[in-house]
Amino acid sequence: MQDLGLRQPRIEGEEYLSIIDEFIEAVLTRWPKAIVQFEDFQMKWAFKTLKRYQERFCMFNDDVQVTAGVALAGLLGTVREQG
C-alpha cells in the first residue's frame, strides 16, 4: 500500500494566510456573490480565518458554525419532545 499525500511540513503563519487571501480574492473577483464554506481546516485556523474574512464576504466555517448549529438543533429538539 502506498502512502498518500505530500511528505513535507505544512506551511504556517502569514505564508498560510497569504495563500488563503489569494484564493478568497480570486473567488470574489470571479463570483462576487459567492458563499465560501471553509471545510476541515485545522482547528487552530478555524476561528482565525472566520474572524479574518467574515466582514468581507459571505462565508461560514463548517467546523465551527455547523457543528454548533447541529448541537443546538439537538438540544432544541430534546426540549420540544419533553414539552
PDB file of N, CA and C in Angstrom:
ATOM      1  N   MET A   1       0.840  -1.188   0.000  1.00  0.00           N
ATOM      2  CA  MET A   1       0.000   0.000   0.000  1.00  0.00           C
ATOM      3  C   MET A   1       0.883   1.248   0.000  1.00  0.00           C
ATOM      4  N   GLN A   2       0.577   2.167  -0.871  1.00  0.00           N
ATOM      5  CA  GLN A   2       1.342   3.406  -0.966  1.00  0.00           C
ATOM      6  C   GLN A   2       0.834   4.439   0.025  1.00  0.00           C
ATOM      7  N   ASP A   3       1.760   5.252   0.535  1.00  0.00           N
ATOM      8  CA  ASP A   3       1.363   6.394   1.355  1.00  0.00           C
ATOM      9  C   ASP A   3       0.803   7.473   0.440  1.00  0.00           C
ATOM     10  N   LEU A   4      -0.240   8.133   0.901  1.00  0.00           N
ATOM     11  CA  LEU A   4      -0.832   9.221   0.136  1.00  0.00           C
ATOM     12  C   LEU A   4      -0.396  10.552   0.709  1.00  0.00           C
ATOM     13  N   GLY A   5      -0.419  11.567  -0.104  1.00  0.00           N
ATOM     14  CA  GLY A   5      -0.118  12.913   0.366  1.00  0.00           C
ATOM     15  C   GLY A   5       1.318  13.321   0.096  1.00  0.00           C
ATOM     16  N   LEU A   6       1.547  14.565   0.301  1.00  0.00           N
ATOM     17  CA  LEU A   6       2.853  15.160   0.089  1.00  0.00           C
ATOM     18  C   LEU A   6       3.611  15.152   1.402  1.00  0.00           C
ATOM     19  N   ARG A   7       4.750  14.531   1.434  1.00  0.00           N
ATOM     20  CA  ARG A   7       5.532  14.388   2.663  1.00  0.00           C
ATOM     21  C   ARG A   7       6.443  15.590   2.868  1.00  0.00           C
ATOM     22  N   GLN A   8       5.873  16.651   3.384  1.00  0.00           N
ATOM     23  CA  GLN A   8       6.643  17.832   3.751  1.00  0.00           C
ATOM     24  C   GLN A   8       5.843  18.604   4.779  1.00  0.00           C
ATOM     25  N   PRO A   9       6.498  19.441   5.560  1.00  0.00           N
ATOM     26  CA  PRO A   9       5.764  20.193   6.591  1.00  0.00           C
ATOM     27  C   PRO A   9       4.728  21.129   5.964  1.00  0.00           C
ATOM     28  N   ARG A  10       3.626  21.313   6.659  1.00  0.00           N
ATOM     29  CA  ARG A  10       2.606  22.272   6.216  1.00  0.00           C
ATOM     30  C   ARG A  10       3.140  23.685   6.375  1.00  0.00           C
ATOM     31  N   ILE A  11       2.662  24.568   5.504  1.00  0.00           N
ATOM     32  CA  ILE A  11       3.034  25.973   5.677  1.00  0.00           C
ATOM     33  C   ILE A  11       2.255  26.531   6.863  1.00  0.00           C
ATOM     34  N   GLU A  12       2.768  27.567   7.466  1.00  0.00           N
ATOM     35  CA  GLU A  12       2.174  28.129   8.676  1.00  0.00           C
ATOM     36  C   GLU A  12       2.194  29.658   8.616  1.00  0.00           C
ATOM     37  N   GLY A  13       1.541  30.265   9.569  1.00  0.00           N
ATOM     38  CA  GLY A  13       1.619  31.708   9.806  1.00  0.00           C
ATOM     39  C   GLY A  13       1.160  32.555   8.635  1.00  0.00           C
ATOM     40  N   GLU A  14       1.862  33.634   8.426  1.00  0.00           N
ATOM     41  CA  GLU A  14       1.480  34.592   7.374  1.00  0.00           C
ATOM     42  C   GLU A  14       1.553  33.989   5.978  1.00  0.00           C
ATOM     43  N   GLU A  15       2.469  33.062   5.762  1.00  0.00           N
ATOM     44  CA  GLU A  15       2.532  32.407   4.448  1.00  0.00           C
ATOM     45  C   GLU A  15       1.228  31.653   4.167  1.00  0.00           C
ATOM     46  N   TYR A  16       0.741  30.948   5.164  1.00  0.00           N
ATOM     47  CA  TYR A  16      -0.526  30.218   5.052  1.00  0.00           C
ATOM     48  C   TYR A  16      -1.674  31.188   4.768  1.00  0.00           C
ATOM     49  N   LEU A  17      -1.760  32.244   5.577  1.00  0.00           N
ATOM     50  CA  LEU A  17      -2.849  33.211   5.413  1.00  0.00           C
ATOM     51  C   LEU A  17      -2.783  33.934   4.076  1.00  0.00           C
ATOM     52  N   SER A  18      -1.585  34.186   3.559  1.00  0.00           N
ATOM     53  CA  SER A  18      -1.478  34.873   2.269  1.00  0.00           C
ATOM     54  C   SER A  18      -2.009  33.997   1.132  1.00  0.00           C
ATOM     55  N   ILE A  19      -1.837  32.685   1.242  1.00  0.00           N
ATOM     56  CA  ILE A  19      -2.395  31.782   0.230  1.00  0.00           C
ATOM     57  C   ILE A  19      -3.922  31.788   0.306  1.00  0.00           C
ATOM     58  N   ILE A  20      -4.455  31.767   1.509  1.00  0.00           N
ATOM     59  CA  ILE A  20      -5.912  31.825   1.674  1.00  0.00           C
ATOM     60  C   ILE A  20      -6.438  33.163   1.161  1.00  0.00           C
ATOM     61  N   ASP A  21      -5.736  34.261   1.484  1.00  0.00           N
ATOM     62  CA  ASP A  21      -6.121  35.584   0.970  1.00  0.00           C
ATOM     63  C   ASP A  21      -6.193  35.580  -0.556  1.00  0.00           C
ATOM     64  N   GLU A  22      -5.185  35.024  -1.188  1.00  0.00           N
ATOM     65  CA  GLU A  22      -5.136  34.988  -2.645  1.00  0.00           C
ATOM     66  C   GLU A  22      -6.308  34.188  -3.216  1.00  0.00           C
ATOM     67  N   PHE A  23      -6.612  33.072  -2.590  1.00  0.00           N
ATOM     68  CA  PHE A  23      -7.744  32.254  -3.029  1.00  0.00           C
ATOM     69  C   PHE A  23      -9.060  33.020  -2.898  1.00  0.00           C
ATOM     70  N   ILE A  24      -9.262  33.634  -1.738  1.00  0.00           N
ATOM     71  CA  ILE A  24     -10.504  34.378  -1.486  1.00  0.00           C
ATOM     72  C   ILE A  24     -10.656  35.509  -2.491  1.00  0.00           C
ATOM     73  N   GLU A  25      -9.602  36.255  -2.730  1.00  0.00           N
ATOM     74  CA  GLU A  25      -9.663  37.356  -3.704  1.00  0.00           C
ATOM     75  C   GLU A  25     -10.005  36.839  -5.104  1.00  0.00           C
ATOM     76  N   ALA A  26      -9.440  35.708  -5.492  1.00  0.00           N
ATOM     77  CA  ALA A  26      -9.723  35.136  -6.814  1.00  0.00           C
ATOM     78  C   ALA A  26     -11.188  34.715  -6.915  1.00  0.00           C
ATOM     79  N   VAL A  27     -11.714  34.073  -5.882  1.00  0.00           N
ATOM     80  CA  VAL A  27     -13.119  33.644  -5.887  1.00  0.00           C
ATOM     81  C   VAL A  27     -14.039  34.849  -5.983  1.00  0.00           C
ATOM     82  N   LEU A  28     -13.770  35.868  -5.159  1.00  0.00           N
ATOM     83  CA  LEU A  28     -14.649  37.036  -5.144  1.00  0.00           C
ATOM     84  C   LEU A  28     -14.538  37.881  -6.407  1.00  0.00           C
ATOM     85  N   THR A  29     -13.400  37.840  -7.048  1.00  0.00           N
ATOM     86  CA  THR A  29     -13.252  38.542  -8.325  1.00  0.00           C
ATOM     87  C   THR A  29     -14.099  37.851  -9.390  1.00  0.00           C
ATOM     88  N   ARG A  30     -14.067  36.531  -9.398  1.00  0.00           N
ATOM     89  CA  ARG A  30     -14.816  35.763 -10.399  1.00  0.00           C
ATOM     90  C   ARG A  30     -16.299  35.673 -10.066  1.00  0.00           C
ATOM     91  N   TRP A  31     -16.615  35.448  -8.788  1.00  0.00           N
ATOM     92  CA  TRP A  31     -18.006  35.279  -8.336  1.00  0.00           C
ATOM     93  C   TRP A  31     -18.255  36.189  -7.140  1.00  0.00           C
ATOM     94  N   PRO A  32     -18.579  37.453  -7.363  1.00  0.00           N
ATOM     95  CA  PRO A  32     -18.695  38.425  -6.269  1.00  0.00           C
ATOM     96  C   PRO A  32     -19.765  38.095  -5.224  1.00  0.00           C
ATOM     97  N   LYS A  33     -20.756  37.300  -5.570  1.00  0.00           N
ATOM     98  CA  LYS A  33     -21.813  36.959  -4.619  1.00  0.00           C
ATOM     99  C   LYS A  33     -21.656  35.547  -4.056  1.00  0.00           C
ATOM    100  N   ALA A  34     -20.473  34.979  -4.212  1.00  0.00           N
ATOM    101  CA  ALA A  34     -20.232  33.605  -3.751  1.00  0.00           C
ATOM    102  C   ALA A  34     -20.337  33.508  -2.229  1.00  0.00           C
ATOM    103  N   ILE A  35     -20.787  32.345  -1.784  1.00  0.00           N
ATOM    104  CA  ILE A  35     -20.743  31.986  -0.370  1.00  0.00           C
ATOM    105  C   ILE A  35     -19.617  30.965  -0.251  1.00  0.00           C
ATOM    106  N   VAL A  36     -18.661  31.245   0.581  1.00  0.00           N
ATOM    107  CA  VAL A  36     -17.499  30.366   0.728  1.00  0.00           C
ATOM    108  C   VAL A  36     -17.649  29.543   2.002  1.00  0.00           C
ATOM    109  N   GLN A  37     -17.515  28.242   1.852  1.00  0.00           N
ATOM    110  CA  GLN A  37     -17.559  27.339   3.004  1.00  0.00           C
ATOM    111  C   GLN A  37     -16.148  26.845   3.286  1.00  0.00           C
ATOM    112  N   PHE A  38     -15.672  27.112   4.491  1.00  0.00           N
ATOM    113  CA  PHE A  38     -14.396  26.567   4.937  1.00  0.00           C
ATOM    114  C   PHE A  38     -14.687  25.202   5.556  1.00  0.00           C
ATOM    115  N   GLU A  39     -14.102  24.162   5.030  1.00  0.00           N
ATOM    116  CA  GLU A  39     -14.369  22.796   5.477  1.00  0.00           C
ATOM    117  C   GLU A  39     -13.064  22.109   5.859  1.00  0.00           C
ATOM    118  N   ASP A  40     -13.064  21.520   7.040  1.00  0.00           N
ATOM    119  CA  ASP A  40     -11.942  20.712   7.513  1.00  0.00           C
ATOM    120  C   ASP A  40     -10.606  21.449   7.545  1.00  0.00           C
ATOM    121  N   PHE A  41     -10.658  22.718   7.924  1.00  0.00           N
ATOM    122  CA  PHE A  41      -9.415  23.429   8.197  1.00  0.00           C
ATOM    123  C   PHE A  41      -8.920  22.952   9.556  1.00  0.00           C
ATOM    124  N   GLN A  42      -7.631  23.010   9.780  1.00  0.00           N
ATOM    125  CA  GLN A  42      -7.133  22.656  11.107  1.00  0.00           C
ATOM    126  C   GLN A  42      -7.810  23.558  12.127  1.00  0.00           C
ATOM    127  N   MET A  43      -8.133  23.007  13.282  1.00  0.00           N
ATOM    128  CA  MET A  43      -8.863  23.773  14.292  1.00  0.00           C
ATOM    129  C   MET A  43      -8.120  25.053  14.689  1.00  0.00           C
ATOM    130  N   LYS A  44      -6.807  25.028  14.667  1.00  0.00           N
ATOM    131  CA  LYS A  44      -6.072  26.242  15.037  1.00  0.00           C
ATOM    132  C   LYS A  44      -6.318  27.382  14.053  1.00  0.00           C
ATOM    133  N   TRP A  45      -6.799  27.069  12.841  1.00  0.00           N
ATOM    134  CA  TRP A  45      -7.085  28.111  11.855  1.00  0.00           C
ATOM    135  C   TRP A  45      -8.565  28.438  11.760  1.00  0.00           C
ATOM    136  N   ALA A  46      -9.418  27.611  12.295  1.00  0.00           N
ATOM    137  CA  ALA A  46     -10.864  27.777  12.098  1.00  0.00           C
ATOM    138  C   ALA A  46     -11.366  29.137  12.573  1.00  0.00           C
ATOM    139  N   PHE A  47     -11.096  29.493  13.809  1.00  0.00           N
ATOM    140  CA  PHE A  47     -11.588  30.773  14.338  1.00  0.00           C
ATOM    141  C   PHE A  47     -10.846  31.956  13.728  1.00  0.00           C
ATOM    142  N   LYS A  48      -9.556  31.782  13.494  1.00  0.00           N
ATOM    143  CA  LYS A  48      -8.753  32.878  12.931  1.00  0.00           C
ATOM    144  C   LYS A  48      -9.243  33.245  11.528  1.00  0.00           C
ATOM    145  N   THR A  49      -9.493  32.251  10.673  1.00  0.00           N
ATOM    146  CA  THR A  49      -9.960  32.554   9.316  1.00  0.00           C
ATOM    147  C   THR A  49     -11.381  33.097   9.338  1.00  0.00           C
ATOM    148  N   LEU A  50     -12.221  32.566  10.214  1.00  0.00           N
ATOM    149  CA  LEU A  50     -13.584  33.081  10.341  1.00  0.00           C
ATOM    150  C   LEU A  50     -13.563  34.561  10.705  1.00  0.00           C
ATOM    151  N   LYS A  51     -12.786  34.906  11.706  1.00  0.00           N
ATOM    152  CA  LYS A  51     -12.699  36.302  12.127  1.00  0.00           C
ATOM    153  C   LYS A  51     -12.084  37.183  11.034  1.00  0.00           C
ATOM    154  N   ARG A  52     -11.087  36.662  10.343  1.00  0.00           N
ATOM    155  CA  ARG A  52     -10.366  37.429   9.324  1.00  0.00           C
ATOM    156  C   ARG A  52     -11.257  37.800   8.133  1.00  0.00           C
ATOM    157  N   TYR A  53     -12.153  36.914   7.747  1.00  0.00           N
ATOM    158  CA  TYR A  53     -12.893  37.109   6.499  1.00  0.00           C
ATOM    159  C   TYR A  53     -14.384  37.404   6.648  1.00  0.00           C
ATOM    160  N   GLN A  54     -14.981  37.178   7.790  1.00  0.00           N
ATOM    161  CA  GLN A  54     -16.441  37.236   7.895  1.00  0.00           C
ATOM    162  C   GLN A  54     -17.035  38.612   7.612  1.00  0.00           C
ATOM    163  N   GLU A  55     -16.285  39.672   7.789  1.00  0.00           N
ATOM    164  CA  GLU A  55     -16.805  41.014   7.498  1.00  0.00           C
ATOM    165  C   GLU A  55     -16.670  41.386   6.024  1.00  0.00           C
ATOM    166  N   ARG A  56     -15.851  40.637   5.286  1.00  0.00           N
ATOM    167  CA  ARG A  56     -15.563  40.977   3.888  1.00  0.00           C
ATOM    168  C   ARG A  56     -16.461  40.255   2.895  1.00  0.00           C
ATOM    169  N   PHE A  57     -16.942  39.094   3.241  1.00  0.00           N
ATOM    170  CA  PHE A  57     -17.782  38.351   2.311  1.00  0.00           C
ATOM    171  C   PHE A  57     -18.616  37.330   3.068  1.00  0.00           C
ATOM    172  N   CYS A  58     -19.554  36.739   2.359  1.00  0.00           N
ATOM    173  CA  CYS A  58     -20.439  35.756   2.949  1.00  0.00           C
ATOM    174  C   CYS A  58     -19.704  34.419   3.036  1.00  0.00           C
ATOM    175  N   MET A  59     -19.488  33.959   4.243  1.00  0.00           N
ATOM    176  CA  MET A  59     -18.760  32.715   4.434  1.00  0.00           C
ATOM    177  C   MET A  59     -19.173  32.061   5.727  1.00  0.00           C
ATOM    178  N   PHE A  60     -18.867  30.773   5.839  1.00  0.00           N
ATOM    179  CA  PHE A  60     -19.033  30.095   7.111  1.00  0.00           C
ATOM    180  C   PHE A  60     -17.986  29.010   7.232  1.00  0.00           C
ATOM    181  N   ASN A  61     -17.683  28.679   8.455  1.00  0.00           N
ATOM    182  CA  ASN A  61     -16.708  27.642   8.736  1.00  0.00           C
ATOM    183  C   ASN A  61     -17.463  26.440   9.276  1.00  0.00           C
ATOM    184  N   ASP A  62     -17.474  25.376   8.510  1.00  0.00           N
ATOM    185  CA  ASP A  62     -18.219  24.177   8.873  1.00  0.00           C
ATOM    186  C   ASP A  62     -17.811  23.646  10.239  1.00  0.00           C
ATOM    187  N   ASP A  63     -16.523  23.651  10.535  1.00  0.00           N
ATOM    188  CA  ASP A  63     -16.023  23.096  11.791  1.00  0.00           C
ATOM    189  C   ASP A  63     -16.507  23.884  13.005  1.00  0.00           C
ATOM    190  N   VAL A  64     -16.798  25.153  12.834  1.00  0.00           N
ATOM    191  CA  VAL A  64     -17.210  25.999  13.948  1.00  0.00           C
ATOM    192  C   VAL A  64     -18.726  26.165  13.957  1.00  0.00           C
ATOM    193  N   GLN A  65     -19.271  26.705  12.895  1.00  0.00           N
ATOM    194  CA  GLN A  65     -20.664  27.120  12.892  1.00  0.00           C
ATOM    195  C   GLN A  65     -21.656  25.982  12.660  1.00  0.00           C
ATOM    196  N   VAL A  66     -21.372  25.076  11.770  1.00  0.00           N
ATOM    197  CA  VAL A  66     -22.325  23.997  11.511  1.00  0.00           C
ATOM    198  C   VAL A  66     -22.351  23.021  12.682  1.00  0.00           C
ATOM    199  N   THR A  67     -21.209  22.720  13.254  1.00  0.00           N
ATOM    200  CA  THR A  67     -21.175  21.841  14.422  1.00  0.00           C
ATOM    201  C   THR A  67     -22.006  22.427  15.551  1.00  0.00           C
ATOM    202  N   ALA A  68     -21.859  23.718  15.791  1.00  0.00           N
ATOM    203  CA  ALA A  68     -22.645  24.377  16.834  1.00  0.00           C
ATOM    204  C   ALA A  68     -24.131  24.349  16.492  1.00  0.00           C
ATOM    205  N   GLY A  69     -24.471  24.563  15.231  1.00  0.00           N
ATOM    206  CA  GLY A  69     -25.868  24.539  14.806  1.00  0.00           C
ATOM    207  C   GLY A  69     -26.507  23.168  14.986  1.00  0.00           C
ATOM    208  N   VAL A  70     -25.777  22.122  14.669  1.00  0.00           N
ATOM    209  CA  VAL A  70     -26.300  20.767  14.831  1.00  0.00           C
ATOM    210  C   VAL A  70     -26.505  20.452  16.318  1.00  0.00           C
ATOM    211  N   ALA A  71     -25.546  20.854  17.148  1.00  0.00           N
ATOM    212  CA  ALA A  71     -25.681  20.623  18.595  1.00  0.00           C
ATOM    213  C   ALA A  71     -26.897  21.366  19.146  1.00  0.00           C
ATOM    214  N   LEU A  72     -27.074  22.621  18.728  1.00  0.00           N
ATOM    215  CA  LEU A  72     -28.222  23.406  19.175  1.00  0.00           C
ATOM    216  C   LEU A  72     -29.535  22.788  18.703  1.00  0.00           C
ATOM    217  N   ALA A  73     -29.571  22.317  17.474  1.00  0.00           N
ATOM    218  CA  ALA A  73     -30.787  21.677  16.959  1.00  0.00           C
ATOM    219  C   ALA A  73     -31.136  20.438  17.784  1.00  0.00           C
ATOM    220  N   GLY A  74     -30.124  19.676  18.179  1.00  0.00           N
ATOM    221  CA  GLY A  74     -30.361  18.506  19.018  1.00  0.00           C
ATOM    222  C   GLY A  74     -30.945  18.884  20.364  1.00  0.00           C
ATOM    223  N   LEU A  75     -30.403  19.928  20.959  1.00  0.00           N
ATOM    224  CA  LEU A  75     -30.910  20.393  22.251  1.00  0.00           C
ATOM    225  C   LEU A  75     -32.341  20.915  22.136  1.00  0.00           C
ATOM    226  N   LEU A  76     -32.601  21.710  21.104  1.00  0.00           N
ATOM    227  CA  LEU A  76     -33.958  22.251  20.927  1.00  0.00           C
ATOM    228  C   LEU A  76     -34.962  21.135  20.650  1.00  0.00           C
ATOM    229  N   GLY A  77     -34.561  20.132  19.864  1.00  0.00           N
ATOM    230  CA  GLY A  77     -35.449  19.005  19.617  1.00  0.00           C
ATOM    231  C   GLY A  77     -35.756  18.222  20.891  1.00  0.00           C
ATOM    232  N   THR A  78     -34.762  18.076  21.744  1.00  0.00           N
ATOM    233  CA  THR A  78     -34.962  17.370  23.007  1.00  0.00           C
ATOM    234  C   THR A  78     -35.920  18.143  23.903  1.00  0.00           C
ATOM    235  N   VAL A  79     -35.722  19.454  23.988  1.00  0.00           N
ATOM    236  CA  VAL A  79     -36.599  20.292  24.806  1.00  0.00           C
ATOM    237  C   VAL A  79     -38.028  20.236  24.274  1.00  0.00           C
ATOM    238  N   ARG A  80     -38.188  20.298  22.976  1.00  0.00           N
ATOM    239  CA  ARG A  80     -39.522  20.244  22.365  1.00  0.00           C
ATOM    240  C   ARG A  80     -40.199  18.917  22.682  1.00  0.00           C
ATOM    241  N   GLU A  81     -39.491  17.811  22.583  1.00  0.00           N
ATOM    242  CA  GLU A  81     -40.057  16.498  22.872  1.00  0.00           C
ATOM    243  C   GLU A  81     -40.445  16.342  24.338  1.00  0.00           C
ATOM    244  N   GLN A  82     -39.749  17.045  25.204  1.00  0.00           N
ATOM    245  CA  GLN A  82     -40.032  16.942  26.645  1.00  0.00           C
ATOM    246  C   GLN A  82     -41.137  17.888  27.076  1.00  0.00           C
ATOM    247  N   GLY A  83     -41.563  18.740  26.163  1.00  0.00           N
ATOM    248  CA  GLY A  83     -42.663  19.653  26.455  1.00  0.00           C
ATOM    249  C   GLY A  83     -42.178  20.861  27.190  1.00  0.00           C
TER     250      GLY A  83
END
